[in-house]
Protein backbone atom coordinates (compact mmCIF):
# COMPACT_ATOMS: atom_id res chain seq x y z
CA MET A 1 19.45 0.91 -13.42
CA ASP A 2 22.35 -1.50 -13.18
CA ILE A 3 22.94 -3.65 -10.08
CA LYS A 4 25.37 -1.18 -8.56
CA ASP A 5 22.91 1.71 -8.83
CA ILE A 6 20.08 -0.39 -7.38
CA VAL A 7 22.17 -1.50 -4.44
CA LYS A 8 23.25 2.16 -3.84
CA LYS A 9 19.64 3.40 -4.16
CA VAL A 10 18.35 0.66 -1.71
CA LYS A 11 20.91 1.70 0.86
CA GLN A 12 20.00 5.41 0.42
CA ILE A 13 16.32 4.59 0.87
CA GLU A 14 17.02 2.44 3.97
CA ILE A 15 18.97 5.36 5.57
CA ARG A 16 16.24 7.90 4.79
CA THR A 17 13.40 5.74 5.94
CA LYS A 18 14.98 5.06 9.37
CA ARG A 19 14.01 8.66 10.16
CA SER A 20 10.44 7.78 9.25
CA THR A 21 10.29 4.62 11.30
CA ASP A 22 11.25 6.41 14.51
CA ALA A 23 9.54 5.82 17.84
CA MET A 24 6.66 8.25 17.02
CA LEU A 25 5.62 6.71 13.69
CA MET A 26 6.35 3.19 15.05
CA GLY A 27 4.14 3.81 18.03
CA GLN A 28 1.28 4.90 15.66
CA TYR A 29 1.72 1.83 13.49
CA HIS A 30 1.56 -0.55 16.45
CA SER A 31 -1.55 1.18 17.78
CA ALA A 32 -3.23 1.09 14.38
CA PHE A 33 -2.34 -2.51 13.45
CA LYS A 34 -3.25 -4.51 16.52
CA GLY A 35 -3.98 -8.25 16.46
CA GLN A 36 -6.87 -9.45 14.47
CA GLY A 37 -8.64 -11.26 17.34
CA MET A 38 -8.15 -13.61 20.32
CA THR A 39 -6.95 -17.17 20.05
CA PHE A 40 -6.80 -19.99 22.64
CA SER A 41 -3.56 -20.26 24.53
CA GLU A 42 -3.97 -22.69 27.46
CA VAL A 43 -6.20 -23.85 30.34
CA ARG A 44 -5.28 -23.13 33.96
CA GLN A 45 -6.96 -23.15 37.34
CA TYR A 46 -9.36 -20.44 38.09
CA GLN A 47 -7.96 -17.40 40.01
CA PHE A 48 -9.83 -14.71 41.87
CA GLY A 49 -10.84 -12.05 39.40
CA ASP A 50 -10.98 -14.25 36.27
CA ASP A 51 -13.86 -13.73 33.86
CA ILE A 52 -16.38 -16.53 34.59
CA ARG A 53 -17.28 -16.48 30.91
CA ARG A 54 -13.79 -18.08 30.33
CA ILE A 55 -14.56 -21.11 32.44
CA ASP A 56 -13.80 -24.45 30.71
CA TRP A 57 -16.83 -26.38 31.91
CA ASN A 58 -15.60 -29.75 30.59
CA LYS A 59 -12.30 -29.63 32.47
CA THR A 60 -13.99 -28.12 35.53
CA ALA A 61 -16.50 -31.09 35.66
CA ARG A 62 -13.58 -33.52 35.18
CA PHE A 63 -11.33 -32.25 37.96
CA ARG A 64 -14.20 -30.91 40.13
CA GLU A 65 -12.62 -27.48 40.54
CA PRO A 66 -12.89 -24.46 38.20
CA TYR A 67 -10.54 -24.09 35.23
CA VAL A 68 -10.46 -21.18 32.74
CA LYS A 69 -9.37 -20.80 29.12
CA VAL A 70 -6.51 -18.33 28.67
CA MET A 71 -6.80 -16.32 25.42
CA GLU A 72 -4.15 -14.18 23.79
CA GLU A 73 -4.14 -11.67 21.02
CA GLU A 74 -3.34 -12.91 17.55
CA ARG A 75 -0.39 -10.55 17.07
CA GLU A 76 1.07 -11.60 13.71
CA LEU A 77 -0.30 -9.61 10.82
CA THR A 78 0.28 -9.56 7.07
CA VAL A 79 0.98 -6.42 5.11
CA MET A 80 0.62 -6.61 1.37
CA LEU A 81 2.16 -3.99 -0.87
CA MET A 82 0.58 -3.75 -4.34
CA VAL A 83 2.68 -1.61 -6.67
CA ASP A 84 1.65 -0.36 -10.23
CA ILE A 85 4.60 -0.82 -12.55
CA SER A 86 2.93 0.61 -15.73
CA ALA A 87 5.14 3.04 -17.62
CA SER A 88 3.53 6.16 -16.24
CA MET A 89 5.06 5.25 -12.85
CA ASN A 90 8.56 5.50 -14.34
CA TYR A 91 8.19 9.28 -14.65
CA GLY A 92 8.96 12.33 -12.63
CA THR A 93 9.79 16.00 -13.02
CA HIS A 94 10.24 16.92 -9.37
CA ALA A 95 12.60 15.44 -6.69
CA SER A 96 12.27 11.85 -7.80
CA LEU A 97 10.61 9.41 -10.16
CA LYS A 98 7.28 8.02 -9.02
CA ARG A 99 8.74 4.54 -8.68
CA GLU A 100 11.52 5.89 -6.41
CA TYR A 101 9.02 7.72 -4.30
CA VAL A 102 6.86 4.56 -4.05
CA ALA A 103 9.87 2.47 -3.14
CA GLU A 104 10.62 4.78 -0.24
CA ILE A 105 6.97 4.63 0.97
CA CYS A 106 7.08 0.82 0.79
CA ALA A 107 10.35 0.83 2.66
CA THR A 108 8.81 2.87 5.48
CA LEU A 109 5.80 0.55 5.69
CA GLY A 110 7.98 -2.55 5.42
CA PHE A 111 10.44 -1.58 8.11
CA SER A 112 7.54 -0.57 10.38
CA ALA A 113 5.97 -3.97 9.86
CA VAL A 114 9.24 -5.81 10.50
CA THR A 115 9.80 -3.90 13.71
CA ASN A 116 6.23 -4.93 14.75
CA ASN A 117 6.98 -8.56 13.86
CA ASP A 118 4.53 -8.59 10.97
CA LYS A 119 5.03 -10.24 7.65
CA VAL A 120 5.33 -8.19 4.40
CA GLY A 121 4.56 -9.29 0.82
CA LEU A 122 4.73 -7.63 -2.62
CA ILE A 123 2.60 -7.74 -5.84
CA LEU A 124 3.88 -5.93 -8.92
CA PHE A 125 1.27 -5.45 -11.64
CA ALA A 126 0.46 -3.50 -14.77
CA ASP A 127 -1.72 -5.06 -17.45
CA LYS A 128 -1.32 -8.19 -15.47
CA VAL A 129 0.49 -9.46 -12.35
CA TYR A 130 4.22 -9.67 -13.08
CA LYS A 131 5.78 -10.61 -9.82
CA VAL A 132 4.73 -11.79 -6.38
CA ILE A 133 6.89 -11.96 -3.29
CA PRO A 134 5.18 -14.02 -0.57
CA PRO A 135 4.87 -12.42 2.86
CA LYS A 136 7.84 -12.97 5.16
CA LYS A 137 9.50 -11.25 8.14
CA GLY A 138 12.93 -9.56 8.37
CA ARG A 139 15.03 -6.76 7.19
CA PRO A 140 16.67 -8.68 4.23
CA HIS A 141 13.21 -9.44 2.99
CA VAL A 142 12.18 -5.84 3.01
CA LEU A 143 15.46 -4.87 1.17
CA ALA A 144 14.58 -7.43 -1.47
CA ILE A 145 11.18 -5.90 -1.90
CA ILE A 146 12.61 -2.44 -2.34
CA SER A 147 15.16 -3.78 -4.85
CA SER A 148 12.31 -5.39 -6.85
CA ILE A 149 10.32 -2.19 -7.08
CA LEU A 150 13.36 -0.20 -8.32
CA ASN A 151 14.51 -2.94 -10.75
CA ALA A 152 11.14 -3.80 -12.29
CA ASP A 153 10.58 -3.33 -15.99
CA TYR A 154 7.95 -0.63 -16.17
CA ILE A 155 5.37 -1.87 -18.69
CA PRO A 156 4.12 0.41 -21.57
CA SER A 157 0.54 -0.71 -21.24
CA THR A 158 -2.80 0.19 -19.61
CA THR A 159 -3.16 -0.69 -16.00
CA ASN A 160 -5.43 -3.63 -15.18
CA LEU A 161 -6.21 -2.80 -11.54
CA ASP A 162 -9.28 -5.12 -11.60
CA GLY A 163 -7.12 -8.10 -12.53
CA ALA A 164 -4.54 -7.35 -9.85
CA LEU A 165 -7.23 -7.09 -7.09
CA SER A 166 -8.88 -10.26 -8.40
CA TYR A 167 -5.45 -12.03 -8.04
CA LEU A 168 -5.06 -10.69 -4.49
CA MET A 169 -8.52 -12.08 -3.50
CA LYS A 170 -7.68 -15.56 -4.89
CA ALA A 171 -4.09 -15.80 -3.56
CA PHE A 172 -4.47 -14.33 -0.11
CA LYS A 173 -7.45 -15.68 1.81
CA LYS A 174 -6.36 -14.44 5.28
CA LYS A 175 -7.31 -10.87 6.11
CA SER A 176 -4.35 -8.57 5.33
CA TYR A 177 -3.49 -4.87 5.46
CA VAL A 178 -3.25 -3.90 1.79
CA PHE A 179 -1.44 -0.89 0.60
CA LEU A 180 -2.17 -0.12 -3.10
CA LEU A 181 0.22 2.31 -4.74
CA SER A 182 -0.62 3.64 -8.23
CA ASP A 183 -1.25 6.79 -10.27
CA PHE A 184 -4.73 5.31 -11.06
CA ASN A 185 -4.34 6.55 -14.68
CA ASP A 186 -6.81 4.02 -16.05
CA GLN A 187 -10.38 3.18 -15.34
CA PHE A 188 -11.31 0.42 -12.91
CA ASP A 189 -14.47 -1.17 -11.60
CA LEU A 190 -15.91 -0.01 -8.29
CA LYS A 191 -16.96 -3.65 -7.53
CA SER A 192 -13.32 -4.78 -7.37
CA LEU A 193 -12.42 -2.24 -4.72
CA ARG A 194 -15.56 -3.06 -2.70
CA VAL A 195 -14.79 -6.82 -2.75
CA VAL A 196 -11.22 -6.15 -1.46
CA GLY A 197 -12.43 -3.48 1.02
CA ASN A 198 -14.93 -5.93 2.53
CA LYS A 199 -12.22 -8.62 3.06
CA HIS A 200 -9.06 -6.71 3.74
CA GLN A 201 -7.97 -3.42 5.27
CA LEU A 202 -7.29 -1.27 2.18
CA LEU A 203 -5.37 1.93 1.83
CA GLY A 204 -4.74 3.50 -1.66
CA PHE A 205 -1.83 5.78 -2.27
CA GLY A 206 -2.39 7.98 -5.44
CA VAL A 207 1.04 8.94 -6.45
CA TYR A 208 1.25 11.90 -8.86
CA ASP A 209 3.81 14.19 -10.42
CA GLU A 210 3.02 17.92 -10.59
CA LYS A 211 2.91 17.64 -14.37
CA ASP A 212 0.18 15.11 -14.19
CA MET A 213 -2.16 17.79 -12.97
CA GLN A 214 -1.36 20.64 -15.37
CA ILE A 215 0.85 21.25 -18.30
CA PRO A 216 2.69 24.55 -18.61
CA ASP A 217 2.47 26.90 -21.76
CA ILE A 218 5.35 25.65 -23.86
CA GLY A 219 3.75 26.15 -27.30
CA TYR A 220 3.21 23.25 -29.65
CA ALA A 221 4.34 20.02 -28.12
CA LEU A 222 4.33 16.29 -28.94
CA LEU A 223 2.83 14.48 -25.99
CA ASN A 224 3.38 10.74 -25.47
CA ASP A 225 0.99 8.61 -23.47
CA ALA A 226 3.40 6.45 -21.54
CA GLU A 227 0.92 3.56 -21.17
CA THR A 228 -0.75 3.41 -24.60
CA GLY A 229 2.16 4.77 -26.61
CA GLU A 230 -0.23 7.18 -28.36
CA LYS A 231 1.40 10.39 -29.46
CA LYS A 232 -0.37 13.67 -30.12
CA TRP A 233 0.57 17.21 -31.08
CA VAL A 234 -1.21 19.77 -28.94
CA ASN A 235 -1.13 23.52 -28.54
CA THR A 236 -0.19 24.05 -24.89
CA SER A 237 -0.52 27.85 -25.40
CA SER A 238 -4.26 27.38 -25.60
CA ALA A 239 -5.70 28.36 -22.20
CA ARG A 240 -8.83 26.33 -23.00
CA TRP A 241 -6.79 23.20 -23.72
CA ARG A 242 -4.81 23.54 -20.44
CA TYR A 243 -8.03 24.09 -18.50
CA GLN A 244 -9.69 21.05 -20.06
CA PHE A 245 -6.63 18.83 -19.39
CA ALA A 246 -6.53 19.98 -15.69
CA GLU A 247 -10.26 19.33 -15.28
CA GLN A 248 -9.93 15.90 -16.79
CA GLN A 249 -7.21 14.98 -14.37
CA LYS A 250 -9.19 16.32 -11.41
CA GLN A 251 -12.22 14.18 -12.39
CA LYS A 252 -10.05 11.03 -12.49
CA ILE A 253 -8.87 11.81 -8.94
CA LYS A 254 -12.36 12.55 -7.75
CA TYR A 255 -13.65 9.24 -9.17
CA THR A 256 -10.79 7.33 -7.30
CA GLU A 257 -11.46 9.12 -4.02
CA GLU A 258 -15.17 8.39 -4.29
CA ALA A 259 -14.51 4.75 -5.21
CA PHE A 260 -12.36 4.22 -2.14
CA ASP A 261 -14.85 5.93 0.11
CA LYS A 262 -17.74 3.71 -1.25
CA SER A 263 -15.50 0.75 -0.59
CA ALA A 264 -15.04 1.47 3.14
CA SER A 265 -11.39 2.10 2.34
CA VAL A 266 -9.07 5.11 2.50
CA PHE A 267 -7.41 7.09 -0.29
CA LEU A 268 -4.36 9.37 0.12
CA LYS A 269 -3.27 11.68 -2.69
CA LEU A 270 0.47 12.32 -2.74
CA ASN A 271 2.78 14.36 -4.98
CA THR A 272 6.37 13.22 -5.54
CA GLY A 273 8.61 15.29 -3.36
CA GLN A 274 5.85 15.63 -0.71
CA ASP A 275 6.56 14.40 2.92
CA TYR A 276 4.43 11.29 2.99
CA THR A 277 5.06 10.63 6.69
CA LYS A 278 2.63 13.22 7.89
CA PRO A 279 -0.51 11.90 6.02
CA LEU A 280 0.65 8.33 6.94
CA TYR A 281 0.92 9.26 10.58
CA ASN A 282 -2.51 10.84 10.48
CA TYR A 283 -3.96 7.68 8.91
CA PHE A 284 -2.48 5.51 11.65
CA GLN A 285 -3.77 7.94 14.32
CA THR A 286 -7.33 7.91 13.03
CA ARG A 287 -7.57 4.11 12.74
């Protein structure tokens, strides 16, 4: 995409996602992502009905009348978007490419966070971490994140999810809400997910095209692995071959679902063209 196409696409995504960040979805986001705890605000004189457990005994002894500590919710949260930019994400046979679909999901999450006065950051990764946008607030910041996802060079290499998760743990010490978007085309270590799931609130979006799941009967075809570059002639007319291919893809997804479940995290399987707001709404509602 050239710069004009990117600007046009970003504007289109912003317009579409405004429908997704309406009062209903926004309310669910706010309810789901409350403050992470209570922090000290001030000390004031005791009033009838105050919790006696909040009494500041040092100040009470000093002034010889009861004072209480006032606590308030830590409202500001950090949302981290982790986006796979391996070459298989620059593919699509349905309504949109995977990366365009991912950009729209990230826009919905980003604008919801901004409306909620939360910070949003971005990590783009493939075989390594390629770009990091530190968490900030504001609409222009979210638009820059969308543009980065659309404008990224999608890398023809295997995805190193373990490396990306390790980077997240080292770079972001404060508990964050992490949204991981990938087609999970390559193997990863369950331990990596568990470490992140124990520290952060993790939600994985498995983004797939319908042709990722099964290939139609088109006779002999030269298939190209977008990530490894490997090319192979196959006979798609073979019912056995199509069945084995579909089963292999199902097993990959099953492994990913089980890995997230064992990591106290959530995994949502999405197909490009599918309305992602419904499963996202349900996720917010059940949190």
